[in-house]
Amino acid sequence: MAKPQNPHPLLPALTLIFFSPFIAEVLSGATRLSFNFALVPEMMVWGCGVLLAREFVRSRNLAWINLLLLGIALSLAEEIIIQQTSIAPLPWLGSAKIYGRALGVNWLYLLFMLGYESVWVVLAPVHLTELLFPASAATPWLRRRGRFITALLFALGSSMAWFAWTKRARTVVFHAAPYHPPLLALFIGFTTIALLIALALTRPFPPPAPTPSSAPRPLVLALLTLTFGLPWYAVISLVFIQTPTLHHLPF
């Protein structure tokens, strides 16, 4: 049996940059195809951010839990620093009271997004891309210059996403009052992100046990997904319903 050929390193890197926002934003319906222009800053933020996280993990031969920690750090950057959706009053609820908001934080929204974004923005796209390019799955795809360019694109995309949401969409589309985050919230956000990155890059977690070669049965996989996924999505339903009660939950 012939061994898989090593592709050009840019091919899996560009694939991951595209997969990350496409899986998390387009397939979920969060970004409609009619708003495909939004994919550009999303690829710069999500795609480049995930690519950097993956490069650091693979270059240090770290485990998937290290990548998960970097994914949570990236999610916190989006939710607290870039678009600030987990600390600003949610604009789509208007003047209604936000369920689960306390001490200036939308706790239920933040909880859901930390899980959703770290899995569907980071872990799933990385795993799928490495399955498509098995010959280079365990090796870095970028050199130092490539990482520097990726970091610049991430910073530029973050600035674009911050302006587009906080200065345009929030005030023009949703007609919400401008939001100015407290310095304490930004300090806690930056500090937590730095601690997660430091932990992920310095703590050598043991790799998971080898998985069986055969895939699980589709019915079993579907039932497990429904069992663990549906209650998680019930959390976000509490955020989008103005007066949530138990009979509104989707189970």
C-alpha atoms as a PDB file:
ATOM      1  CA  MET A   1       0.000   0.000   0.000  1.00  0.00           C
ATOM      2  CA  ALA A   2       1.427   3.361  -1.061  1.00  0.00           C
ATOM      3  CA  LYS A   3       2.102   5.915   1.624  1.00  0.00           C
ATOM      4  CA  PRO A   4       0.175   9.205   1.394  1.00  0.00           C
ATOM      5  CA  GLN A   5       2.172  11.962  -0.251  1.00  0.00           C
ATOM      6  CA  ASN A   6       3.132  15.029   1.753  1.00  0.00           C
ATOM      7  CA  PRO A   7       1.144  18.013   0.415  1.00  0.00           C
ATOM      8  CA  HIS A   8       2.482  21.527   0.248  1.00  0.00           C
ATOM      9  CA  PRO A   9       2.273  22.841   3.854  1.00  0.00           C
ATOM     10  CA  LEU A  10       0.143  25.799   2.751  1.00  0.00           C
ATOM     11  CA  LEU A  11      -2.622  23.512   1.477  1.00  0.00           C
ATOM     12  CA  PRO A  12      -3.654  22.034   4.868  1.00  0.00           C
ATOM     13  CA  ALA A  13      -3.056  25.429   6.520  1.00  0.00           C
ATOM     14  CA  LEU A  14      -5.402  27.219   4.112  1.00  0.00           C
ATOM     15  CA  THR A  15      -7.903  24.373   4.428  1.00  0.00           C
ATOM     16  CA  LEU A  16      -7.973  24.791   8.199  1.00  0.00           C
ATOM     17  CA  ILE A  17      -8.364  28.580   7.882  1.00  0.00           C
ATOM     18  CA  PHE A  18     -11.466  27.964   5.752  1.00  0.00           C
ATOM     19  CA  PHE A  19     -12.870  25.016   7.702  1.00  0.00           C
ATOM     20  CA  SER A  20     -12.875  26.775  11.072  1.00  0.00           C
ATOM     21  CA  PRO A  21     -15.458  29.517  10.318  1.00  0.00           C
ATOM     22  CA  PHE A  22     -17.290  27.401   7.754  1.00  0.00           C
ATOM     23  CA  ILE A  23     -18.030  24.594  10.220  1.00  0.00           C
ATOM     24  CA  ALA A  24     -18.786  26.818  13.206  1.00  0.00           C
ATOM     25  CA  GLU A  25     -20.538  29.722  11.489  1.00  0.00           C
ATOM     26  CA  VAL A  26     -21.949  28.668   8.105  1.00  0.00           C
ATOM     27  CA  LEU A  27     -23.016  25.071   8.811  1.00  0.00           C
ATOM     28  CA  SER A  28     -24.615  26.149  12.102  1.00  0.00           C
ATOM     29  CA  GLY A  29     -26.570  28.920  10.369  1.00  0.00           C
ATOM     30  CA  ALA A  30     -24.947  31.682  12.442  1.00  0.00           C
ATOM     31  CA  THR A  31     -23.562  33.225   9.237  1.00  0.00           C
ATOM     32  CA  ARG A  32     -25.902  33.063   6.253  1.00  0.00           C
ATOM     33  CA  LEU A  33     -24.548  32.466   2.768  1.00  0.00           C
ATOM     34  CA  SER A  34     -26.017  35.829   1.736  1.00  0.00           C
ATOM     35  CA  PHE A  35     -23.529  37.366   4.208  1.00  0.00           C
ATOM     36  CA  ASN A  36     -20.552  35.511   2.752  1.00  0.00           C
ATOM     37  CA  PHE A  37     -18.469  38.692   2.995  1.00  0.00           C
ATOM     38  CA  ALA A  38     -18.413  38.068   6.762  1.00  0.00           C
ATOM     39  CA  LEU A  39     -16.295  34.971   6.118  1.00  0.00           C
ATOM     40  CA  VAL A  40     -13.254  37.157   5.414  1.00  0.00           C
ATOM     41  CA  PRO A  41     -12.848  38.571   8.949  1.00  0.00           C
ATOM     42  CA  GLU A  42     -14.051  35.247  10.383  1.00  0.00           C
ATOM     43  CA  MET A  43     -11.268  33.399   8.563  1.00  0.00           C
ATOM     44  CA  MET A  44      -8.787  36.010   9.787  1.00  0.00           C
ATOM     45  CA  VAL A  45      -9.931  35.665  13.415  1.00  0.00           C
ATOM     46  CA  TRP A  46     -11.102  32.070  13.773  1.00  0.00           C
ATOM     47  CA  GLY A  47      -9.060  30.500  10.986  1.00  0.00           C
ATOM     48  CA  CYS A  48      -5.743  32.209  11.733  1.00  0.00           C
ATOM     49  CA  GLY A  49      -6.261  31.869  15.493  1.00  0.00           C
ATOM     50  CA  VAL A  50      -6.888  28.141  15.225  1.00  0.00           C
ATOM     51  CA  LEU A  51      -3.963  27.687  12.855  1.00  0.00           C
ATOM     52  CA  LEU A  52      -1.618  29.393  15.324  1.00  0.00           C
ATOM     53  CA  ALA A  53      -2.935  27.233  18.171  1.00  0.00           C
ATOM     54  CA  ARG A  54      -2.472  24.079  16.127  1.00  0.00           C
ATOM     55  CA  GLU A  55       1.064  25.082  15.113  1.00  0.00           C
ATOM     56  CA  PHE A  56       2.156  25.678  18.706  1.00  0.00           C
ATOM     57  CA  VAL A  57       0.699  22.338  19.825  1.00  0.00           C
ATOM     58  CA  ARG A  58       2.190  20.289  16.982  1.00  0.00           C
ATOM     59  CA  SER A  59       5.622  21.972  17.137  1.00  0.00           C
ATOM     60  CA  ARG A  60       5.852  21.034  20.843  1.00  0.00           C
ATOM     61  CA  ASN A  61       4.317  17.564  20.379  1.00  0.00           C
ATOM     62  CA  LEU A  62       1.572  18.360  22.881  1.00  0.00           C
ATOM     63  CA  ALA A  63      -1.757  16.614  23.461  1.00  0.00           C
ATOM     64  CA  TRP A  64      -5.309  17.461  22.407  1.00  0.00           C
ATOM     65  CA  ILE A  65      -6.097  18.874  25.845  1.00  0.00           C
ATOM     66  CA  ASN A  66      -3.428  21.516  25.222  1.00  0.00           C
ATOM     67  CA  LEU A  67      -5.215  22.445  22.018  1.00  0.00           C
ATOM     68  CA  LEU A  68      -8.495  22.590  23.939  1.00  0.00           C
ATOM     69  CA  LEU A  69      -6.978  25.053  26.430  1.00  0.00           C
ATOM     70  CA  LEU A  70      -5.825  27.244  23.558  1.00  0.00           C
ATOM     71  CA  GLY A  71      -9.311  26.959  22.074  1.00  0.00           C
ATOM     72  CA  ILE A  72     -10.874  28.207  25.309  1.00  0.00           C
ATOM     73  CA  ALA A  73      -8.370  31.080  25.317  1.00  0.00           C
ATOM     74  CA  LEU A  74      -9.361  31.964  21.747  1.00  0.00           C
ATOM     75  CA  SER A  75     -13.035  31.824  22.699  1.00  0.00           C
ATOM     76  CA  LEU A  76     -12.426  34.153  25.664  1.00  0.00           C
ATOM     77  CA  ALA A  77     -10.610  36.562  23.356  1.00  0.00           C
ATOM     78  CA  GLU A  78     -13.658  36.646  21.079  1.00  0.00           C
ATOM     79  CA  GLU A  79     -16.228  36.899  23.861  1.00  0.00           C
ATOM     80  CA  ILE A  80     -14.496  39.434  26.136  1.00  0.00           C
ATOM     81  CA  ILE A  81     -11.893  41.334  24.113  1.00  0.00           C
ATOM     82  CA  ILE A  82     -12.860  41.341  20.419  1.00  0.00           C
ATOM     83  CA  GLN A  83     -16.659  41.362  20.143  1.00  0.00           C
ATOM     84  CA  GLN A  84     -17.355  41.537  23.886  1.00  0.00           C
ATOM     85  CA  THR A  85     -20.646  39.664  23.456  1.00  0.00           C
ATOM     86  CA  SER A  86     -20.340  37.915  26.813  1.00  0.00           C
ATOM     87  CA  ILE A  87     -19.873  41.099  28.833  1.00  0.00           C
ATOM     88  CA  ALA A  88     -21.976  43.656  26.929  1.00  0.00           C
ATOM     89  CA  PRO A  89     -25.791  43.598  27.301  1.00  0.00           C
ATOM     90  CA  LEU A  90     -27.110  41.389  24.499  1.00  0.00           C
ATOM     91  CA  PRO A  91     -28.519  43.813  21.886  1.00  0.00           C
ATOM     92  CA  TRP A  92     -31.079  41.457  20.314  1.00  0.00           C
ATOM     93  CA  LEU A  93     -33.108  41.419  23.551  1.00  0.00           C
ATOM     94  CA  GLY A  94     -33.603  45.171  23.485  1.00  0.00           C
ATOM     95  CA  SER A  95     -34.608  46.499  26.884  1.00  0.00           C
ATOM     96  CA  ALA A  96     -35.674  43.074  28.189  1.00  0.00           C
ATOM     97  CA  LYS A  97     -33.908  41.663  31.223  1.00  0.00           C
ATOM     98  CA  ILE A  98     -31.118  39.283  30.270  1.00  0.00           C
ATOM     99  CA  TYR A  99     -31.485  35.876  31.894  1.00  0.00           C
ATOM    100  CA  GLY A 100     -28.270  34.801  33.601  1.00  0.00           C
ATOM    101  CA  ARG A 101     -26.534  38.185  33.599  1.00  0.00           C
ATOM    102  CA  ALA A 102     -24.715  39.144  36.807  1.00  0.00           C
ATOM    103  CA  LEU A 103     -21.665  41.257  37.676  1.00  0.00           C
ATOM    104  CA  GLY A 104     -21.506  42.515  34.109  1.00  0.00           C
ATOM    105  CA  VAL A 105     -21.222  39.040  32.541  1.00  0.00           C
ATOM    106  CA  ASN A 106     -23.740  37.052  30.462  1.00  0.00           C
ATOM    107  CA  TRP A 107     -22.888  33.802  32.213  1.00  0.00           C
ATOM    108  CA  LEU A 108     -25.115  31.396  30.276  1.00  0.00           C
ATOM    109  CA  TYR A 109     -24.080  32.887  26.956  1.00  0.00           C
ATOM    110  CA  LEU A 110     -20.411  32.727  27.960  1.00  0.00           C
ATOM    111  CA  LEU A 111     -20.760  29.122  29.158  1.00  0.00           C
ATOM    112  CA  PHE A 112     -22.341  28.016  25.903  1.00  0.00           C
ATOM    113  CA  MET A 113     -19.860  29.869  23.713  1.00  0.00           C
ATOM    114  CA  LEU A 114     -16.802  28.549  25.551  1.00  0.00           C
ATOM    115  CA  GLY A 115     -17.945  25.001  24.849  1.00  0.00           C
ATOM    116  CA  TYR A 116     -19.255  25.633  21.343  1.00  0.00           C
ATOM    117  CA  GLU A 117     -16.342  27.674  20.038  1.00  0.00           C
ATOM    118  CA  SER A 118     -13.574  25.569  21.572  1.00  0.00           C
ATOM    119  CA  VAL A 119     -15.046  22.433  19.960  1.00  0.00           C
ATOM    120  CA  TRP A 120     -16.553  23.558  16.647  1.00  0.00           C
ATOM    121  CA  VAL A 121     -14.130  26.388  15.912  1.00  0.00           C
ATOM    122  CA  VAL A 122     -10.967  24.641  17.096  1.00  0.00           C
ATOM    123  CA  LEU A 123     -11.037  20.893  17.775  1.00  0.00           C
ATOM    124  CA  ALA A 124     -13.371  19.699  15.010  1.00  0.00           C
ATOM    125  CA  PRO A 125     -11.765  21.702  12.145  1.00  0.00           C
ATOM    126  CA  VAL A 126      -8.242  20.696  13.220  1.00  0.00           C
ATOM    127  CA  HIS A 127      -9.180  17.022  13.445  1.00  0.00           C
ATOM    128  CA  LEU A 128     -11.003  17.067  10.097  1.00  0.00           C
ATOM    129  CA  THR A 129      -8.122  18.833   8.352  1.00  0.00           C
ATOM    130  CA  GLU A 130      -5.583  16.386   9.747  1.00  0.00           C
ATOM    131  CA  LEU A 131      -7.754  13.486   8.595  1.00  0.00           C
ATOM    132  CA  LEU A 132      -7.728  14.955   5.084  1.00  0.00           C
ATOM    133  CA  PHE A 133      -3.936  15.355   5.169  1.00  0.00           C
ATOM    134  CA  PRO A 134      -2.704  12.346   7.208  1.00  0.00           C
ATOM    135  CA  ALA A 135       0.876  12.540   5.924  1.00  0.00           C
ATOM    136  CA  SER A 136       1.417  15.882   7.688  1.00  0.00           C
ATOM    137  CA  ALA A 137      -1.060  15.480  10.536  1.00  0.00           C
ATOM    138  CA  ALA A 138       1.604  15.343  13.254  1.00  0.00           C
ATOM    139  CA  THR A 139       3.928  18.032  11.909  1.00  0.00           C
ATOM    140  CA  PRO A 140       3.776  21.846  11.809  1.00  0.00           C
ATOM    141  CA  TRP A 141       2.628  23.457   8.572  1.00  0.00           C
ATOM    142  CA  LEU A 142       4.199  26.893   8.940  1.00  0.00           C
ATOM    143  CA  ARG A 143       7.682  28.256   9.404  1.00  0.00           C
ATOM    144  CA  ARG A 144       8.528  31.287  11.535  1.00  0.00           C
ATOM    145  CA  ARG A 145       7.645  33.770   8.790  1.00  0.00           C
ATOM    146  CA  GLY A 146       4.339  32.021   8.138  1.00  0.00           C
ATOM    147  CA  ARG A 147       3.439  32.179  11.815  1.00  0.00           C
ATOM    148  CA  PHE A 148       4.324  35.873  11.925  1.00  0.00           C
ATOM    149  CA  ILE A 149       2.115  36.610   8.908  1.00  0.00           C
ATOM    150  CA  THR A 150      -0.697  34.532  10.415  1.00  0.00           C
ATOM    151  CA  ALA A 151      -0.429  36.469  13.674  1.00  0.00           C
ATOM    152  CA  LEU A 152      -0.614  39.774  11.778  1.00  0.00           C
ATOM    153  CA  LEU A 153      -3.722  38.601   9.914  1.00  0.00           C
ATOM    154  CA  PHE A 154      -5.278  37.517  13.210  1.00  0.00           C
ATOM    155  CA  ALA A 155      -4.618  40.944  14.751  1.00  0.00           C
ATOM    156  CA  LEU A 156      -5.997  42.735  11.685  1.00  0.00           C
ATOM    157  CA  GLY A 157      -9.065  40.501  11.550  1.00  0.00           C
ATOM    158  CA  SER A 158      -9.688  41.010  15.267  1.00  0.00           C
ATOM    159  CA  SER A 159      -9.651  44.785  14.767  1.00  0.00           C
ATOM    160  CA  MET A 160     -12.070  44.487  11.841  1.00  0.00           C
ATOM    161  CA  ALA A 161     -14.413  42.219  13.800  1.00  0.00           C
ATOM    162  CA  TRP A 162     -14.291  44.522  16.850  1.00  0.00           C
ATOM    163  CA  PHE A 163     -15.203  47.575  14.795  1.00  0.00           C
ATOM    164  CA  ALA A 164     -17.854  45.806  12.693  1.00  0.00           C
ATOM    165  CA  TRP A 165     -19.701  44.485  15.751  1.00  0.00           C
ATOM    166  CA  THR A 166     -19.198  47.025  18.523  1.00  0.00           C
ATOM    167  CA  LYS A 167     -19.291  50.196  16.383  1.00  0.00           C
ATOM    168  CA  ARG A 168     -21.599  49.206  13.519  1.00  0.00           C
ATOM    169  CA  ALA A 169     -23.802  46.137  14.041  1.00  0.00           C
ATOM    170  CA  ARG A 170     -24.538  46.803  17.708  1.00  0.00           C
ATOM    171  CA  THR A 171     -25.511  50.451  17.310  1.00  0.00           C
ATOM    172  CA  VAL A 172     -26.736  50.648  13.691  1.00  0.00           C
ATOM    173  CA  VAL A 173     -28.422  47.254  13.176  1.00  0.00           C
ATOM    174  CA  PHE A 174     -29.715  46.570  16.696  1.00  0.00           C
ATOM    175  CA  HIS A 175     -30.010  50.246  17.741  1.00  0.00           C
ATOM    176  CA  ALA A 176     -28.379  49.431  21.077  1.00  0.00           C
ATOM    177  CA  ALA A 177     -26.556  51.929  23.227  1.00  0.00           C
ATOM    178  CA  PRO A 178     -22.772  52.006  22.807  1.00  0.00           C
ATOM    179  CA  TYR A 179     -21.005  49.761  25.275  1.00  0.00           C
ATOM    180  CA  HIS A 180     -17.749  50.651  26.989  1.00  0.00           C
ATOM    181  CA  PRO A 181     -16.284  47.616  28.798  1.00  0.00           C
ATOM    182  CA  PRO A 182     -14.920  48.193  32.309  1.00  0.00           C
ATOM    183  CA  LEU A 183     -11.155  48.109  32.556  1.00  0.00           C
ATOM    184  CA  LEU A 184     -11.445  45.424  35.247  1.00  0.00           C
ATOM    185  CA  ALA A 185     -13.327  43.115  32.858  1.00  0.00           C
ATOM    186  CA  LEU A 186     -10.681  43.584  30.171  1.00  0.00           C
ATOM    187  CA  PHE A 187      -7.899  43.011  32.699  1.00  0.00           C
ATOM    188  CA  ILE A 188      -9.480  39.787  33.940  1.00  0.00           C
ATOM    189  CA  GLY A 189     -10.040  38.676  30.357  1.00  0.00           C
ATOM    190  CA  PHE A 190      -6.449  39.315  29.260  1.00  0.00           C
ATOM    191  CA  THR A 191      -5.079  37.707  32.428  1.00  0.00           C
ATOM    192  CA  THR A 192      -7.194  34.562  32.041  1.00  0.00           C
ATOM    193  CA  ILE A 193      -6.230  34.245  28.385  1.00  0.00           C
ATOM    194  CA  ALA A 194      -2.533  34.602  29.230  1.00  0.00           C
ATOM    195  CA  LEU A 195      -2.788  31.977  31.976  1.00  0.00           C
ATOM    196  CA  LEU A 196      -4.547  29.509  29.660  1.00  0.00           C
ATOM    197  CA  ILE A 197      -1.919  30.001  26.958  1.00  0.00           C
ATOM    198  CA  ALA A 198       0.901  29.577  29.457  1.00  0.00           C
ATOM    199  CA  LEU A 199      -0.687  26.413  30.849  1.00  0.00           C
ATOM    200  CA  ALA A 200      -1.300  24.991  27.387  1.00  0.00           C
ATOM    201  CA  LEU A 201       2.247  25.599  26.168  1.00  0.00           C
ATOM    202  CA  THR A 202       4.127  24.551  29.309  1.00  0.00           C
ATOM    203  CA  ARG A 203       2.047  21.698  30.779  1.00  0.00           C
ATOM    204  CA  PRO A 204       2.732  18.392  28.944  1.00  0.00           C
ATOM    205  CA  PHE A 205      -0.572  16.583  29.422  1.00  0.00           C
ATOM    206  CA  PRO A 206      -0.437  12.854  28.636  1.00  0.00           C
ATOM    207  CA  PRO A 207      -1.838  11.850  25.237  1.00  0.00           C
ATOM    208  CA  PRO A 208      -5.154   9.965  25.183  1.00  0.00           C
ATOM    209  CA  ALA A 209      -5.245   6.193  24.980  1.00  0.00           C
ATOM    210  CA  PRO A 210      -5.220   4.716  21.464  1.00  0.00           C
ATOM    211  CA  THR A 211      -8.686   4.572  19.932  1.00  0.00           C
ATOM    212  CA  PRO A 212     -10.056   1.456  18.231  1.00  0.00           C
ATOM    213  CA  SER A 213      -9.604   1.300  14.481  1.00  0.00           C
ATOM    214  CA  SER A 214     -13.302   0.675  13.799  1.00  0.00           C
ATOM    215  CA  ALA A 215     -15.739   3.599  13.834  1.00  0.00           C
ATOM    216  CA  PRO A 216     -18.719   3.533  16.231  1.00  0.00           C
ATOM    217  CA  ARG A 217     -22.099   2.517  14.881  1.00  0.00           C
ATOM    218  CA  PRO A 218     -24.029   5.464  13.381  1.00  0.00           C
ATOM    219  CA  LEU A 219     -27.061   4.866  15.598  1.00  0.00           C
ATOM    220  CA  VAL A 220     -24.948   4.800  18.763  1.00  0.00           C
ATOM    221  CA  LEU A 221     -23.108   7.938  17.684  1.00  0.00           C
ATOM    222  CA  ALA A 222     -26.396   9.715  16.908  1.00  0.00           C
ATOM    223  CA  LEU A 223     -27.876   8.799  20.309  1.00  0.00           C
ATOM    224  CA  LEU A 224     -24.769   9.939  22.161  1.00  0.00           C
ATOM    225  CA  THR A 225     -24.736  13.212  20.228  1.00  0.00           C
ATOM    226  CA  LEU A 226     -28.397  13.808  21.026  1.00  0.00           C
ATOM    227  CA  THR A 227     -27.947  12.906  24.695  1.00  0.00           C
ATOM    228  CA  PHE A 228     -25.029  15.274  25.291  1.00  0.00           C
ATOM    229  CA  GLY A 229     -25.778  17.937  22.687  1.00  0.00           C
ATOM    230  CA  LEU A 230     -29.449  18.718  23.271  1.00  0.00           C
ATOM    231  CA  PRO A 231     -29.111  19.774  26.937  1.00  0.00           C
ATOM    232  CA  TRP A 232     -26.139  21.949  25.963  1.00  0.00           C
ATOM    233  CA  TYR A 233     -28.223  23.762  23.359  1.00  0.00           C
ATOM    234  CA  ALA A 234     -30.940  24.241  25.981  1.00  0.00           C
ATOM    235  CA  VAL A 235     -28.500  26.573  27.736  1.00  0.00           C
ATOM    236  CA  ILE A 236     -28.395  28.952  24.774  1.00  0.00           C
ATOM    237  CA  SER A 237     -32.198  28.877  24.454  1.00  0.00           C
ATOM    238  CA  LEU A 238     -32.366  30.547  27.858  1.00  0.00           C
ATOM    239  CA  VAL A 239     -30.374  33.447  26.434  1.00  0.00           C
ATOM    240  CA  PHE A 240     -32.542  34.052  23.368  1.00  0.00           C
ATOM    241  CA  ILE A 241     -35.897  33.789  25.170  1.00  0.00           C
ATOM    242  CA  GLN A 242     -36.882  36.986  26.949  1.00  0.00           C
ATOM    243  CA  THR A 243     -38.810  35.278  29.772  1.00  0.00           C
ATOM    244  CA  PRO A 244     -37.473  31.710  29.866  1.00  0.00           C
ATOM    245  CA  THR A 245     -39.460  29.011  31.624  1.00  0.00           C
ATOM    246  CA  LEU A 246     -39.060  25.257  31.616  1.00  0.00           C
ATOM    247  CA  HIS A 247     -41.777  24.635  29.030  1.00  0.00           C
ATOM    248  CA  HIS A 248     -39.795  26.720  26.520  1.00  0.00           C
ATOM    249  CA  LEU A 249     -36.814  24.368  26.634  1.00  0.00           C
ATOM    250  CA  PRO A 250     -36.378  22.068  23.606  1.00  0.00           C
ATOM    251  CA  PHE A 251     -36.653  18.785  25.561  1.00  0.00           C
END
